[in-house]
Amino acid sequence: MDILCTCCGEPWDVMHVLHEDRQSFERTGALISGCPCCKGLRPEDLTEKACQDLDALKELALMLGDDIDGFAALLEDFAFIGLI
């Protein structure tokens, strides 16, 4: 299962984030606020809607706290992966 970087929208496999490349992510619980793709800087080519969607997902990730699997399941259930 994947979780999204809430800065750029890039999907990342949960196991990669937690075990393989931990140091490359700015992360608090389920929230990824920076990844190897964006380094914490929001891309300029994102649409306003994409930015709003990522901001909403950021709030959901914060609400779920350390429940990374729950956040990944939510993203999968509501088909957020690939929409941003």
N, C-alpha and C. Protein backbone atom coordinates (compact mmCIF):
# COMPACT_ATOMS: atom_id res chain seq x y z
N MET A 1 0.84 -1.18 0.00
CA MET A 1 0.00 0.00 0.00
C MET A 1 0.88 1.24 0.00
N ASP A 2 0.34 2.32 -0.56
CA ASP A 2 1.07 3.57 -0.69
C ASP A 2 0.48 4.65 0.19
N ILE A 3 1.33 5.60 0.55
CA ILE A 3 0.89 6.85 1.15
C ILE A 3 1.46 7.97 0.30
N LEU A 4 0.83 9.13 0.35
CA LEU A 4 1.24 10.25 -0.48
C LEU A 4 2.07 11.25 0.30
N CYS A 5 3.02 11.84 -0.40
CA CYS A 5 3.69 13.02 0.12
C CYS A 5 2.68 14.15 0.00
N THR A 6 2.35 14.81 1.10
CA THR A 6 1.34 15.86 1.06
C THR A 6 1.91 17.18 0.54
N CYS A 7 3.17 17.19 0.20
CA CYS A 7 3.78 18.38 -0.39
C CYS A 7 3.67 18.33 -1.92
N CYS A 8 4.01 17.17 -2.52
CA CYS A 8 4.03 17.08 -3.98
C CYS A 8 3.04 16.07 -4.56
N GLY A 9 2.49 15.18 -3.74
CA GLY A 9 1.54 14.19 -4.22
C GLY A 9 2.15 12.88 -4.70
N GLU A 10 3.44 12.73 -4.58
CA GLU A 10 4.11 11.50 -5.02
C GLU A 10 3.72 10.34 -4.10
N PRO A 11 3.29 9.21 -4.69
CA PRO A 11 2.97 8.05 -3.86
C PRO A 11 4.23 7.28 -3.47
N TRP A 12 4.25 6.77 -2.25
CA TRP A 12 5.38 5.99 -1.73
C TRP A 12 4.86 4.75 -1.03
N ASP A 13 5.52 3.63 -1.27
CA ASP A 13 5.17 2.39 -0.60
C ASP A 13 5.47 2.54 0.89
N VAL A 14 4.55 2.11 1.71
CA VAL A 14 4.68 2.24 3.16
C VAL A 14 5.95 1.56 3.66
N MET A 15 6.25 0.38 3.17
CA MET A 15 7.45 -0.34 3.62
C MET A 15 8.72 0.42 3.25
N HIS A 16 8.73 1.05 2.10
CA HIS A 16 9.89 1.84 1.68
C HIS A 16 10.09 3.02 2.64
N VAL A 17 9.01 3.70 2.95
CA VAL A 17 9.08 4.87 3.83
C VAL A 17 9.52 4.48 5.24
N LEU A 18 8.99 3.38 5.74
CA LEU A 18 9.27 2.99 7.12
C LEU A 18 10.58 2.25 7.32
N HIS A 19 11.02 1.49 6.32
CA HIS A 19 12.15 0.59 6.56
C HIS A 19 13.33 0.75 5.62
N GLU A 20 13.10 1.16 4.38
CA GLU A 20 14.19 1.14 3.41
C GLU A 20 14.92 2.47 3.26
N ASP A 21 14.22 3.58 3.41
CA ASP A 21 14.82 4.87 3.12
C ASP A 21 14.30 5.95 4.06
N ARG A 22 14.28 5.65 5.34
CA ARG A 22 13.69 6.54 6.34
C ARG A 22 14.24 7.96 6.33
N GLN A 23 15.53 8.09 6.14
CA GLN A 23 16.18 9.39 6.26
C GLN A 23 15.81 10.36 5.14
N SER A 24 15.26 9.87 4.05
CA SER A 24 14.94 10.72 2.90
C SER A 24 13.59 11.40 3.00
N PHE A 25 12.85 11.12 4.07
CA PHE A 25 11.49 11.64 4.20
C PHE A 25 11.37 12.56 5.41
N GLU A 26 10.67 13.66 5.23
CA GLU A 26 10.26 14.50 6.34
C GLU A 26 8.90 13.96 6.74
N ARG A 27 8.85 13.27 7.89
CA ARG A 27 7.63 12.55 8.23
C ARG A 27 7.35 12.65 9.71
N THR A 28 6.07 12.81 10.03
CA THR A 28 5.57 12.72 11.39
C THR A 28 4.36 11.80 11.34
N GLY A 29 4.49 10.61 11.89
CA GLY A 29 3.41 9.63 11.84
C GLY A 29 3.05 9.31 10.40
N ALA A 30 1.78 9.45 10.06
CA ALA A 30 1.30 9.15 8.71
C ALA A 30 1.56 10.28 7.73
N LEU A 31 1.96 11.43 8.22
CA LEU A 31 2.16 12.61 7.39
C LEU A 31 3.56 12.64 6.79
N ILE A 32 3.64 12.66 5.46
CA ILE A 32 4.90 12.93 4.77
C ILE A 32 4.81 14.36 4.27
N SER A 33 5.65 15.23 4.79
CA SER A 33 5.63 16.64 4.37
C SER A 33 6.78 16.98 3.44
N GLY A 34 7.61 15.99 3.13
CA GLY A 34 8.71 16.15 2.18
C GLY A 34 9.27 14.79 1.83
N CYS A 35 9.61 14.61 0.55
CA CYS A 35 10.11 13.32 0.08
C CYS A 35 11.31 13.54 -0.83
N PRO A 36 11.96 12.47 -1.30
CA PRO A 36 13.10 12.63 -2.20
C PRO A 36 12.75 13.37 -3.50
N CYS A 37 11.49 13.35 -3.91
CA CYS A 37 11.10 14.03 -5.15
C CYS A 37 11.02 15.54 -5.00
N CYS A 38 10.49 16.01 -3.86
CA CYS A 38 10.24 17.44 -3.71
C CYS A 38 11.12 18.12 -2.67
N LYS A 39 11.73 17.34 -1.79
CA LYS A 39 12.57 17.87 -0.71
C LYS A 39 11.84 18.92 0.13
N GLY A 40 10.50 18.77 0.23
CA GLY A 40 9.70 19.67 1.05
C GLY A 40 9.28 20.96 0.37
N LEU A 41 9.56 21.09 -0.93
CA LEU A 41 9.15 22.28 -1.68
C LEU A 41 8.04 21.89 -2.65
N ARG A 42 6.88 22.52 -2.52
CA ARG A 42 5.74 22.21 -3.37
C ARG A 42 6.05 22.60 -4.82
N PRO A 43 5.85 21.67 -5.76
CA PRO A 43 6.11 21.98 -7.17
C PRO A 43 5.21 23.11 -7.67
N GLU A 44 5.77 23.96 -8.51
CA GLU A 44 5.02 25.11 -9.04
C GLU A 44 3.95 24.69 -10.05
N ASP A 45 4.09 23.51 -10.65
CA ASP A 45 3.16 23.10 -11.70
C ASP A 45 1.90 22.40 -11.17
N LEU A 46 1.73 22.32 -9.85
CA LEU A 46 0.51 21.74 -9.30
C LEU A 46 -0.66 22.70 -9.48
N THR A 47 -1.80 22.16 -9.83
CA THR A 47 -3.00 22.99 -9.96
C THR A 47 -3.47 23.42 -8.58
N GLU A 48 -4.33 24.43 -8.57
CA GLU A 48 -4.89 24.89 -7.30
C GLU A 48 -5.70 23.78 -6.63
N LYS A 49 -6.44 23.01 -7.44
CA LYS A 49 -7.22 21.90 -6.89
C LYS A 49 -6.31 20.84 -6.28
N ALA A 50 -5.21 20.51 -6.96
CA ALA A 50 -4.27 19.53 -6.42
C ALA A 50 -3.70 20.01 -5.09
N CYS A 51 -3.37 21.28 -4.99
CA CYS A 51 -2.86 21.84 -3.74
C CYS A 51 -3.90 21.74 -2.63
N GLN A 52 -5.16 22.05 -2.96
CA GLN A 52 -6.24 21.94 -1.98
C GLN A 52 -6.44 20.50 -1.54
N ASP A 53 -6.38 19.56 -2.50
CA ASP A 53 -6.52 18.14 -2.17
C ASP A 53 -5.39 17.67 -1.25
N LEU A 54 -4.16 18.08 -1.56
CA LEU A 54 -3.02 17.69 -0.73
C LEU A 54 -3.13 18.30 0.67
N ASP A 55 -3.62 19.53 0.75
CA ASP A 55 -3.81 20.16 2.07
C ASP A 55 -4.86 19.40 2.89
N ALA A 56 -5.93 18.95 2.21
CA ALA A 56 -6.97 18.17 2.91
C ALA A 56 -6.41 16.83 3.38
N LEU A 57 -5.61 16.19 2.52
CA LEU A 57 -5.00 14.91 2.92
C LEU A 57 -4.00 15.11 4.06
N LYS A 58 -3.34 16.25 4.08
CA LYS A 58 -2.44 16.56 5.20
C LYS A 58 -3.21 16.57 6.51
N GLU A 59 -4.38 17.20 6.50
CA GLU A 59 -5.19 17.24 7.72
C GLU A 59 -5.64 15.84 8.14
N LEU A 60 -6.02 15.01 7.15
CA LEU A 60 -6.40 13.62 7.47
C LEU A 60 -5.24 12.86 8.07
N ALA A 61 -4.05 13.03 7.49
CA ALA A 61 -2.86 12.34 8.01
C ALA A 61 -2.57 12.78 9.44
N LEU A 62 -2.73 14.06 9.71
CA LEU A 62 -2.50 14.56 11.07
C LEU A 62 -3.53 13.98 12.04
N MET A 63 -4.79 13.87 11.59
CA MET A 63 -5.83 13.31 12.45
C MET A 63 -5.56 11.84 12.76
N LEU A 64 -4.99 11.11 11.80
CA LEU A 64 -4.72 9.69 12.01
C LEU A 64 -3.43 9.45 12.81
N GLY A 65 -2.63 10.47 12.98
CA GLY A 65 -1.43 10.36 13.80
C GLY A 65 -0.47 9.30 13.31
N ASP A 66 -0.18 8.32 14.16
CA ASP A 66 0.78 7.26 13.81
C ASP A 66 0.16 6.09 13.05
N ASP A 67 -1.11 6.17 12.74
CA ASP A 67 -1.80 5.07 12.05
C ASP A 67 -1.52 5.13 10.54
N ILE A 68 -0.30 4.76 10.17
CA ILE A 68 0.13 4.82 8.78
C ILE A 68 -0.68 3.84 7.92
N ASP A 69 -0.92 2.65 8.44
CA ASP A 69 -1.71 1.67 7.68
C ASP A 69 -3.14 2.17 7.46
N GLY A 70 -3.71 2.83 8.45
CA GLY A 70 -5.04 3.39 8.32
C GLY A 70 -5.09 4.48 7.26
N PHE A 71 -4.05 5.32 7.22
CA PHE A 71 -3.98 6.38 6.21
C PHE A 71 -3.83 5.77 4.82
N ALA A 72 -2.98 4.76 4.69
CA ALA A 72 -2.79 4.09 3.40
C ALA A 72 -4.09 3.44 2.94
N ALA A 73 -4.82 2.81 3.86
CA ALA A 73 -6.09 2.18 3.52
C ALA A 73 -7.12 3.21 3.09
N LEU A 74 -7.15 4.35 3.78
CA LEU A 74 -8.07 5.43 3.41
C LEU A 74 -7.77 5.92 1.99
N LEU A 75 -6.50 6.14 1.69
CA LEU A 75 -6.12 6.59 0.35
C LEU A 75 -6.52 5.58 -0.71
N GLU A 76 -6.33 4.30 -0.40
CA GLU A 76 -6.68 3.24 -1.34
C GLU A 76 -8.20 3.12 -1.49
N ASP A 77 -8.92 3.13 -0.39
CA ASP A 77 -10.38 2.99 -0.42
C ASP A 77 -11.06 4.11 -1.21
N PHE A 78 -10.53 5.32 -1.08
CA PHE A 78 -11.15 6.45 -1.76
C PHE A 78 -10.42 6.81 -3.06
N ALA A 79 -9.51 5.94 -3.49
CA ALA A 79 -8.81 6.06 -4.78
C ALA A 79 -8.12 7.40 -4.96
N PHE A 80 -7.41 7.88 -3.91
CA PHE A 80 -6.67 9.11 -4.03
C PHE A 80 -5.35 8.92 -4.78
N ILE A 81 -4.80 7.72 -4.71
CA ILE A 81 -3.52 7.47 -5.37
C ILE A 81 -3.70 7.65 -6.87
N GLY A 82 -2.87 8.47 -7.48
CA GLY A 82 -2.93 8.70 -8.92
C GLY A 82 -3.84 9.83 -9.35
N LEU A 83 -4.62 10.39 -8.44
CA LEU A 83 -5.53 11.49 -8.80
C LEU A 83 -4.86 12.85 -8.77
N ILE A 84 -3.79 12.96 -8.01
CA ILE A 84 -3.15 14.27 -7.82
C ILE A 84 -1.96 14.40 -8.75
